[in-house]
Amino acid sequence: MYNIFNKSKFLSRRKDLRKDTTLQEYKLWYFLKGKNLGVKFRRQHGIGPYIADFYCKEKNLIIELDGSQHQENKEYDRERDNYIKTLGIKVLRFWNNEVDTNIEGVLMKIKEEIL
């Protein structure tokens, strides 16, 4: 079967994204890493031509954190989400300011999705 995950041609981009983690990604990763929520999440995980901020294989779930640049990229995000949904993977999106001001609410929504 054709492997769509973590294609080698995107390896350097995934590494760069891990190095240039936003404060909000770092903050959320603190709660997601090490199975803190009972499932394993991966950071900057490649899925086809896209790279997900956080991916849980066990629950077929992607978590994306969006900053202001996503206001101009709505069509790209829609295409990306549609592609990912065709694979049976659900996408949860949060704005960076939600992580900054309401991390408990963000975590609650994630927990509801993985339970």
C-alpha atoms as a PDB file:
ATOM      1  CA  MET A   1       0.000   0.000   0.000  1.00  0.00           C
ATOM      2  CA  TYR A   2       1.127   3.524  -0.767  1.00  0.00           C
ATOM      3  CA  ASN A   3       2.515   5.245   2.345  1.00  0.00           C
ATOM      4  CA  ILE A   4       1.273   8.798   2.769  1.00  0.00           C
ATOM      5  CA  PHE A   5       2.770   9.449   6.212  1.00  0.00           C
ATOM      6  CA  ASN A   6       6.048  11.290   6.832  1.00  0.00           C
ATOM      7  CA  LYS A   7       7.301  11.296   3.267  1.00  0.00           C
ATOM      8  CA  SER A   8      11.067  11.676   3.214  1.00  0.00           C
ATOM      9  CA  LYS A   9      10.950  14.615   0.806  1.00  0.00           C
ATOM     10  CA  PHE A  10       9.315  16.688   3.582  1.00  0.00           C
ATOM     11  CA  LEU A  11      11.720  15.585   6.346  1.00  0.00           C
ATOM     12  CA  SER A  12      13.743  18.803   6.447  1.00  0.00           C
ATOM     13  CA  ARG A  13      10.548  20.901   6.508  1.00  0.00           C
ATOM     14  CA  ARG A  14       9.178  18.874   9.443  1.00  0.00           C
ATOM     15  CA  LYS A  15      12.486  19.317  11.288  1.00  0.00           C
ATOM     16  CA  ASP A  16      12.439  23.065  10.629  1.00  0.00           C
ATOM     17  CA  LEU A  17       8.896  23.325  11.947  1.00  0.00           C
ATOM     18  CA  ARG A  18       9.889  21.454  15.127  1.00  0.00           C
ATOM     19  CA  LYS A  19      12.803  23.851  15.637  1.00  0.00           C
ATOM     20  CA  ASP A  20      10.630  26.925  15.004  1.00  0.00           C
ATOM     21  CA  THR A  21       7.798  25.924  17.308  1.00  0.00           C
ATOM     22  CA  THR A  22       5.464  28.776  18.198  1.00  0.00           C
ATOM     23  CA  LEU A  23       4.861  29.577  21.850  1.00  0.00           C
ATOM     24  CA  GLN A  24       1.322  28.245  21.520  1.00  0.00           C
ATOM     25  CA  GLU A  25       2.485  24.959  19.965  1.00  0.00           C
ATOM     26  CA  TYR A  26       5.056  24.591  22.711  1.00  0.00           C
ATOM     27  CA  LYS A  27       2.427  25.268  25.374  1.00  0.00           C
ATOM     28  CA  LEU A  28      -0.040  22.742  23.954  1.00  0.00           C
ATOM     29  CA  TRP A  29       2.711  20.165  23.359  1.00  0.00           C
ATOM     30  CA  TYR A  30       3.489  20.284  27.085  1.00  0.00           C
ATOM     31  CA  PHE A  31       0.023  18.788  27.707  1.00  0.00           C
ATOM     32  CA  LEU A  32      -0.042  16.388  24.740  1.00  0.00           C
ATOM     33  CA  LYS A  33       3.400  14.782  24.936  1.00  0.00           C
ATOM     34  CA  GLY A  34       4.136  11.567  26.756  1.00  0.00           C
ATOM     35  CA  LYS A  35       0.552  10.310  26.617  1.00  0.00           C
ATOM     36  CA  ASN A  36      -0.497  12.927  29.175  1.00  0.00           C
ATOM     37  CA  LEU A  37      -4.033  12.659  27.789  1.00  0.00           C
ATOM     38  CA  GLY A  38      -3.919   8.859  27.524  1.00  0.00           C
ATOM     39  CA  VAL A  39      -2.974   8.666  23.836  1.00  0.00           C
ATOM     40  CA  LYS A  40       0.195   9.347  21.877  1.00  0.00           C
ATOM     41  CA  PHE A  41       0.453  12.518  19.828  1.00  0.00           C
ATOM     42  CA  ARG A  42       3.155  13.288  17.291  1.00  0.00           C
ATOM     43  CA  ARG A  43       4.393  16.751  16.458  1.00  0.00           C
ATOM     44  CA  GLN A  44       4.774  18.068  12.894  1.00  0.00           C
ATOM     45  CA  HIS A  45       3.621  14.776  11.378  1.00  0.00           C
ATOM     46  CA  GLY A  46       3.490  14.476   7.606  1.00  0.00           C
ATOM     47  CA  ILE A  47       0.240  13.359   5.985  1.00  0.00           C
ATOM     48  CA  GLY A  48       0.436  13.329   2.207  1.00  0.00           C
ATOM     49  CA  PRO A  49       1.688  16.720   1.020  1.00  0.00           C
ATOM     50  CA  TYR A  50       0.749  18.372   4.338  1.00  0.00           C
ATOM     51  CA  ILE A  51       2.272  18.609   7.798  1.00  0.00           C
ATOM     52  CA  ALA A  52      -0.024  18.466  10.805  1.00  0.00           C
ATOM     53  CA  ASP A  53       0.846  20.366  13.976  1.00  0.00           C
ATOM     54  CA  PHE A  54      -0.196  17.398  16.138  1.00  0.00           C
ATOM     55  CA  TYR A  55      -1.401  13.947  15.080  1.00  0.00           C
ATOM     56  CA  CYS A  56      -2.848  11.051  17.076  1.00  0.00           C
ATOM     57  CA  LYS A  57      -2.820   7.883  14.988  1.00  0.00           C
ATOM     58  CA  GLU A  58      -4.812   5.912  17.554  1.00  0.00           C
ATOM     59  CA  LYS A  59      -7.763   8.319  17.365  1.00  0.00           C
ATOM     60  CA  ASN A  60      -7.308   9.482  13.736  1.00  0.00           C
ATOM     61  CA  LEU A  61      -7.149  13.036  14.995  1.00  0.00           C
ATOM     62  CA  ILE A  62      -5.192  16.108  13.944  1.00  0.00           C
ATOM     63  CA  ILE A  63      -4.942  19.239  16.048  1.00  0.00           C
ATOM     64  CA  GLU A  64      -4.048  22.455  14.258  1.00  0.00           C
ATOM     65  CA  LEU A  65      -3.164  25.777  15.831  1.00  0.00           C
ATOM     66  CA  ASP A  66      -3.917  28.757  13.658  1.00  0.00           C
ATOM     67  CA  GLY A  67      -2.386  32.199  13.842  1.00  0.00           C
ATOM     68  CA  SER A  68      -3.329  35.336  11.951  1.00  0.00           C
ATOM     69  CA  GLN A  69      -1.771  34.007   8.705  1.00  0.00           C
ATOM     70  CA  HIS A  70      -4.700  31.597   8.432  1.00  0.00           C
ATOM     71  CA  GLN A  71      -7.075  34.499   7.871  1.00  0.00           C
ATOM     72  CA  GLU A  72      -5.569  34.880   4.389  1.00  0.00           C
ATOM     73  CA  ASN A  73      -5.195  31.123   3.767  1.00  0.00           C
ATOM     74  CA  LYS A  74      -8.767  29.939   4.263  1.00  0.00           C
ATOM     75  CA  GLU A  75      -8.978  28.233   0.866  1.00  0.00           C
ATOM     76  CA  TYR A  76      -5.692  26.370   1.434  1.00  0.00           C
ATOM     77  CA  ASP A  77      -6.889  25.244   4.880  1.00  0.00           C
ATOM     78  CA  ARG A  78     -10.210  24.088   3.405  1.00  0.00           C
ATOM     79  CA  GLU A  79      -8.462  22.043   0.685  1.00  0.00           C
ATOM     80  CA  ARG A  80      -6.076  20.596   3.247  1.00  0.00           C
ATOM     81  CA  ASP A  81      -8.870  19.658   5.655  1.00  0.00           C
ATOM     82  CA  ASN A  82     -10.899  18.067   2.837  1.00  0.00           C
ATOM     83  CA  TYR A  83      -7.917  15.938   1.789  1.00  0.00           C
ATOM     84  CA  ILE A  84      -7.312  14.832   5.367  1.00  0.00           C
ATOM     85  CA  LYS A  85     -11.004  14.040   5.915  1.00  0.00           C
ATOM     86  CA  THR A  86     -10.961  11.720   2.867  1.00  0.00           C
ATOM     87  CA  LEU A  87      -8.450   9.659   4.857  1.00  0.00           C
ATOM     88  CA  GLY A  88     -10.893   9.337   7.748  1.00  0.00           C
ATOM     89  CA  ILE A  89      -8.933  11.726   9.952  1.00  0.00           C
ATOM     90  CA  LYS A  90     -10.721  14.414  11.948  1.00  0.00           C
ATOM     91  CA  VAL A  91      -9.235  17.905  12.236  1.00  0.00           C
ATOM     92  CA  LEU A  92      -9.659  20.097  15.325  1.00  0.00           C
ATOM     93  CA  ARG A  93      -8.614  23.716  14.832  1.00  0.00           C
ATOM     94  CA  PHE A  94      -7.864  26.231  17.545  1.00  0.00           C
ATOM     95  CA  TRP A  95      -6.715  29.826  17.311  1.00  0.00           C
ATOM     96  CA  ASN A  96      -3.424  30.677  18.979  1.00  0.00           C
ATOM     97  CA  ASN A  97      -5.197  33.126  21.269  1.00  0.00           C
ATOM     98  CA  GLU A  98      -7.403  30.255  22.540  1.00  0.00           C
ATOM     99  CA  VAL A  99      -4.277  28.462  23.708  1.00  0.00           C
ATOM    100  CA  ASP A 100      -3.011  31.691  25.285  1.00  0.00           C
ATOM    101  CA  THR A 101      -6.213  32.615  27.094  1.00  0.00           C
ATOM    102  CA  ASN A 102      -8.140  29.361  27.571  1.00  0.00           C
ATOM    103  CA  ILE A 103      -5.831  26.332  27.546  1.00  0.00           C
ATOM    104  CA  GLU A 104      -8.241  24.502  29.875  1.00  0.00           C
ATOM    105  CA  GLY A 105     -11.055  24.879  27.328  1.00  0.00           C
ATOM    106  CA  VAL A 106      -8.803  23.713  24.500  1.00  0.00           C
ATOM    107  CA  LEU A 107      -7.765  20.653  26.486  1.00  0.00           C
ATOM    108  CA  MET A 108     -11.385  19.903  27.365  1.00  0.00           C
ATOM    109  CA  LYS A 109     -12.373  19.884  23.671  1.00  0.00           C
ATOM    110  CA  ILE A 110      -9.434  17.607  22.855  1.00  0.00           C
ATOM    111  CA  LYS A 111     -10.317  15.243  25.703  1.00  0.00           C
ATOM    112  CA  GLU A 112     -13.934  15.075  24.508  1.00  0.00           C
ATOM    113  CA  GLU A 113     -12.674  14.052  21.074  1.00  0.00           C
ATOM    114  CA  ILE A 114     -10.314  11.314  22.278  1.00  0.00           C
ATOM    115  CA  LEU A 115     -12.626   9.704  24.839  1.00  0.00           C
END
